[in-house]
Amino acid sequence: VAATTLALIKRGQRANRRRQEMPWRQVEPGDLSRWKLFPVIALFALQACTTSSPEQLARTNADSAAVHARLAEYAAASAAVDADRSAALFAPRGVLFEPGIPPIVSPDSIRAFIKSFPGVEVDSAMLRADELSVHDGMAMVWGTYFERLRFPGQPESAQHGRFVMQWTRGAEGAWLIERYYRVPLPPTWVDRP
C-alpha cells in the first residue's frame, strides 16, 4: 500500500511539473471550470455581431410590411382567379411548385397555368403568414393556406396546407415571388352525430 501511495504522489508531482512547463495544457480532461464562461462570452460576441442599427431595423420593418402587403395582393388576385395579376407578382425566373406537376417557371407560364382552369369559382381563399424573415433583399414567408372552390360541373372542394414563398426585391424595388411551394395537407374529417 505504501508503495502504491508513493507512486501516486510521484505521478502527481510529475503532472504538476508538466503543467508548469506547459501552461497551455493546464486544463485536465473533465475539468471545464475555465470554460464555464465561454458560452456567455460567445453569446455576447454573437449579439454584438448581429445587433442592428436603428436604420437597419427600420428598413427591415419597412421591408416586412411591404412583403405582407404583396402577399395580400397575391391572395386577392388568387381569390379573384386573376391570372394576370397573380403572374405579375412573380419574378422573371419565378417558379410555382404545385404538387403532382413539374415546376412552372416564369410569369408567362404561371399565367397560362392559371388560365387553364376556365370557369373556376373561388368561394373563399386565405393565405396567412405564420413567419416572415427579411435578409438583404430577400424575404422568406412560411404560412398556411385555405381555399374553397368549384370547377364547372364538379362539387365544391376545399384544400388547405402549408406554403413557403421566397421573395426578392425586383429591379424597380418591388418585392416579387422567386419561389412558391404549396404543400397540401390531407382533409380533416369531422364525425357527424
Protein backbone atom coordinates (compact mmCIF):
# COMPACT_ATOMS: atom_id res chain seq x y z
CA VAL A 1 0.00 0.00 0.00
CA ALA A 2 2.83 2.38 0.87
CA ALA A 3 4.49 1.72 -2.50
CA THR A 4 1.26 2.47 -4.34
CA THR A 5 0.73 5.67 -2.38
CA LEU A 6 4.32 6.76 -3.06
CA ALA A 7 3.88 6.03 -6.80
CA LEU A 8 0.68 8.11 -6.94
CA ILE A 9 2.37 11.02 -5.16
CA LYS A 10 5.32 10.95 -7.59
CA ARG A 11 2.94 10.74 -10.54
CA GLY A 12 1.04 13.79 -9.25
CA GLN A 13 4.32 15.70 -8.80
CA ARG A 14 5.36 14.84 -12.38
CA ALA A 15 1.95 16.02 -13.66
CA ASN A 16 2.34 19.31 -11.75
CA ARG A 17 5.82 19.84 -13.23
CA ARG A 18 4.46 19.16 -16.74
CA ARG A 19 1.69 21.68 -16.19
CA GLN A 20 4.19 24.29 -15.07
CA GLU A 21 6.35 23.58 -18.11
CA MET A 22 3.34 23.67 -20.47
CA PRO A 23 0.94 26.32 -19.18
CA TRP A 24 -1.28 25.92 -22.24
CA ARG A 25 -2.12 22.35 -21.08
CA GLN A 26 -3.30 23.20 -17.61
CA VAL A 27 -6.85 22.03 -18.18
CA GLU A 28 -7.21 18.38 -17.34
CA PRO A 29 -9.79 16.26 -19.16
CA GLY A 30 -13.07 16.69 -17.33
CA ASP A 31 -12.02 19.99 -15.73
CA LEU A 32 -14.06 22.54 -17.63
CA SER A 33 -14.08 25.20 -14.94
CA ARG A 34 -12.11 27.55 -17.18
CA TRP A 35 -14.64 27.04 -19.98
CA LYS A 36 -17.78 27.80 -17.98
CA LEU A 37 -17.82 31.42 -19.11
CA PHE A 38 -17.19 30.56 -22.76
CA PRO A 39 -20.90 30.24 -23.75
CA VAL A 40 -21.69 33.57 -22.09
CA ILE A 41 -18.78 35.31 -23.84
CA ALA A 42 -19.75 33.69 -27.16
CA LEU A 43 -23.35 34.89 -26.78
CA PHE A 44 -22.25 38.46 -26.13
CA ALA A 45 -19.87 38.33 -29.10
CA LEU A 46 -22.62 36.95 -31.33
CA GLN A 47 -25.08 39.59 -30.12
CA ALA A 48 -22.54 42.32 -30.84
CA CYS A 49 -22.12 40.99 -34.39
CA THR A 50 -25.86 40.77 -35.08
CA THR A 51 -27.10 43.93 -33.38
CA SER A 52 -28.87 46.07 -35.94
CA SER A 53 -28.62 49.79 -36.12
CA PRO A 54 -31.85 51.78 -35.83
CA GLU A 55 -31.68 52.41 -39.60
CA GLN A 56 -31.31 48.68 -40.36
CA LEU A 57 -34.19 47.86 -38.03
CA ALA A 58 -36.42 50.48 -39.67
CA ARG A 59 -35.51 49.16 -43.14
CA THR A 60 -36.26 45.56 -42.07
CA ASN A 61 -39.61 46.60 -40.61
CA ALA A 62 -40.49 48.51 -43.79
CA ASP A 63 -39.48 45.51 -45.94
CA SER A 64 -41.57 43.16 -43.78
CA ALA A 65 -44.60 45.43 -44.15
CA ALA A 66 -44.06 45.63 -47.93
CA VAL A 67 -43.84 41.82 -48.23
CA HIS A 68 -47.01 41.43 -46.14
CA ALA A 69 -48.76 43.89 -48.49
CA ARG A 70 -47.56 41.97 -51.57
CA LEU A 71 -48.75 38.71 -50.00
CA ALA A 72 -52.18 40.31 -49.52
CA GLU A 73 -52.13 41.38 -53.20
CA TYR A 74 -51.35 37.81 -54.24
CA ALA A 75 -54.14 36.44 -52.02
CA ALA A 76 -56.65 38.88 -53.55
CA ALA A 77 -55.53 38.01 -57.09
CA SER A 78 -55.83 34.29 -56.32
CA ALA A 79 -59.29 34.70 -54.81
CA ALA A 80 -60.38 36.59 -57.93
CA VAL A 81 -58.72 33.95 -60.18
CA ASP A 82 -56.95 36.86 -61.89
CA ALA A 83 -54.15 35.18 -63.84
CA ASP A 84 -52.59 38.44 -65.00
CA ARG A 85 -52.38 39.99 -61.52
CA SER A 86 -51.13 36.73 -59.98
CA ALA A 87 -48.43 36.22 -62.62
CA ALA A 88 -47.31 39.87 -62.37
CA LEU A 89 -46.24 39.22 -58.78
CA PHE A 90 -43.62 36.64 -59.87
CA ALA A 91 -40.00 37.47 -60.71
CA PRO A 92 -38.84 36.86 -64.30
CA ARG A 93 -37.45 33.45 -63.25
CA GLY A 94 -40.14 32.91 -60.61
CA VAL A 95 -41.21 29.32 -60.01
CA LEU A 96 -44.53 27.92 -58.82
CA PHE A 97 -44.26 24.46 -57.29
CA GLU A 98 -47.61 22.66 -57.26
CA PRO A 99 -47.79 19.05 -56.07
CA GLY A 100 -48.00 16.38 -58.76
CA ILE A 101 -46.83 18.51 -61.69
CA PRO A 102 -43.45 19.80 -62.89
CA PRO A 103 -42.38 23.25 -61.64
CA ILE A 104 -43.93 26.13 -63.55
CA VAL A 105 -41.24 28.69 -64.45
CA SER A 106 -41.78 32.34 -65.48
CA PRO A 107 -44.74 34.68 -65.17
CA ASP A 108 -45.98 33.79 -68.67
CA SER A 109 -46.09 30.07 -67.84
CA ILE A 110 -47.76 30.77 -64.50
CA ARG A 111 -50.36 32.96 -66.24
CA ALA A 112 -51.07 30.16 -68.75
CA PHE A 113 -51.37 27.62 -65.92
CA ILE A 114 -53.92 29.72 -64.02
CA LYS A 115 -55.89 30.39 -67.22
CA SER A 116 -56.05 26.63 -67.86
CA PHE A 117 -58.90 26.44 -65.31
CA PRO A 118 -61.72 28.31 -67.08
CA GLY A 119 -64.89 28.82 -65.11
CA VAL A 120 -63.40 28.04 -61.70
CA GLU A 121 -65.12 29.92 -58.89
CA VAL A 122 -63.37 30.61 -55.61
CA ASP A 123 -65.77 30.88 -52.68
CA SER A 124 -63.01 31.69 -50.19
CA ALA A 125 -59.25 31.88 -50.19
CA MET A 126 -56.83 32.71 -47.41
CA LEU A 127 -53.05 32.97 -47.17
CA ARG A 128 -51.71 33.56 -43.66
CA ALA A 129 -48.06 34.34 -42.99
CA ASP A 130 -47.02 32.44 -39.87
CA GLU A 131 -43.38 33.50 -40.08
CA LEU A 132 -41.63 36.15 -42.16
CA SER A 133 -37.93 36.94 -42.23
CA VAL A 134 -36.13 39.54 -44.34
CA HIS A 135 -32.41 39.38 -45.17
CA ASP A 136 -30.59 41.66 -47.63
CA GLY A 137 -33.14 41.94 -50.43
CA MET A 138 -34.67 38.51 -49.85
CA ALA A 139 -37.68 37.54 -47.74
CA MET A 140 -38.93 34.11 -46.68
CA VAL A 141 -42.56 33.58 -45.75
CA TRP A 142 -43.81 30.37 -44.14
CA GLY A 143 -47.54 30.12 -43.81
CA THR A 144 -50.88 28.39 -44.12
CA TYR A 145 -53.38 28.46 -46.95
CA PHE A 146 -57.03 27.50 -47.33
CA GLU A 147 -59.27 27.68 -50.38
CA ARG A 148 -62.78 26.55 -51.19
CA LEU A 149 -63.52 26.43 -54.91
CA ARG A 150 -65.78 24.95 -57.56
CA PHE A 151 -64.91 23.76 -61.04
CA PRO A 152 -67.73 23.71 -63.60
CA GLY A 153 -69.74 20.51 -63.32
CA GLN A 154 -67.93 19.35 -60.17
CA PRO A 155 -68.80 19.52 -56.49
CA GLU A 156 -67.20 22.13 -54.27
CA SER A 157 -63.76 21.22 -52.98
CA ALA A 158 -61.73 22.58 -50.11
CA GLN A 159 -57.96 22.50 -49.86
CA HIS A 160 -55.67 23.53 -47.07
CA GLY A 161 -51.99 23.20 -46.35
CA ARG A 162 -48.69 24.93 -45.80
CA PHE A 163 -46.72 27.16 -48.12
CA VAL A 164 -43.28 28.70 -48.40
CA MET A 165 -42.59 31.77 -50.52
CA GLN A 166 -39.22 33.24 -51.30
CA TRP A 167 -39.48 36.90 -52.29
CA THR A 168 -36.76 39.03 -53.87
CA ARG A 169 -36.59 42.73 -54.48
CA GLY A 170 -37.04 43.42 -58.19
CA ALA A 171 -35.02 45.88 -60.26
CA GLU A 172 -37.59 48.60 -59.59
CA GLY A 173 -37.68 47.92 -55.84
CA ALA A 174 -40.95 45.95 -55.74
CA TRP A 175 -40.99 42.59 -53.97
CA LEU A 176 -41.52 39.65 -56.36
CA ILE A 177 -42.08 35.94 -55.77
CA GLU A 178 -38.95 33.96 -56.65
CA ARG A 179 -40.25 30.56 -55.48
CA TYR A 180 -43.65 29.47 -54.21
CA TYR A 181 -44.11 25.99 -52.73
CA ARG A 182 -47.56 24.67 -51.80
CA VAL A 183 -47.86 21.55 -49.68
CA PRO A 184 -51.45 20.36 -49.31
CA LEU A 185 -52.45 18.56 -46.15
CA PRO A 186 -54.99 15.74 -46.02
CA PRO A 187 -58.57 16.75 -45.27
CA THR A 188 -59.63 16.71 -41.68
CA TRP A 189 -62.69 14.59 -41.09
CA VAL A 190 -65.33 15.53 -38.58
CA ASP A 191 -67.70 12.82 -37.40
CA ARG A 192 -71.30 13.91 -37.65
CA PRO A 193 -73.74 12.88 -34.93
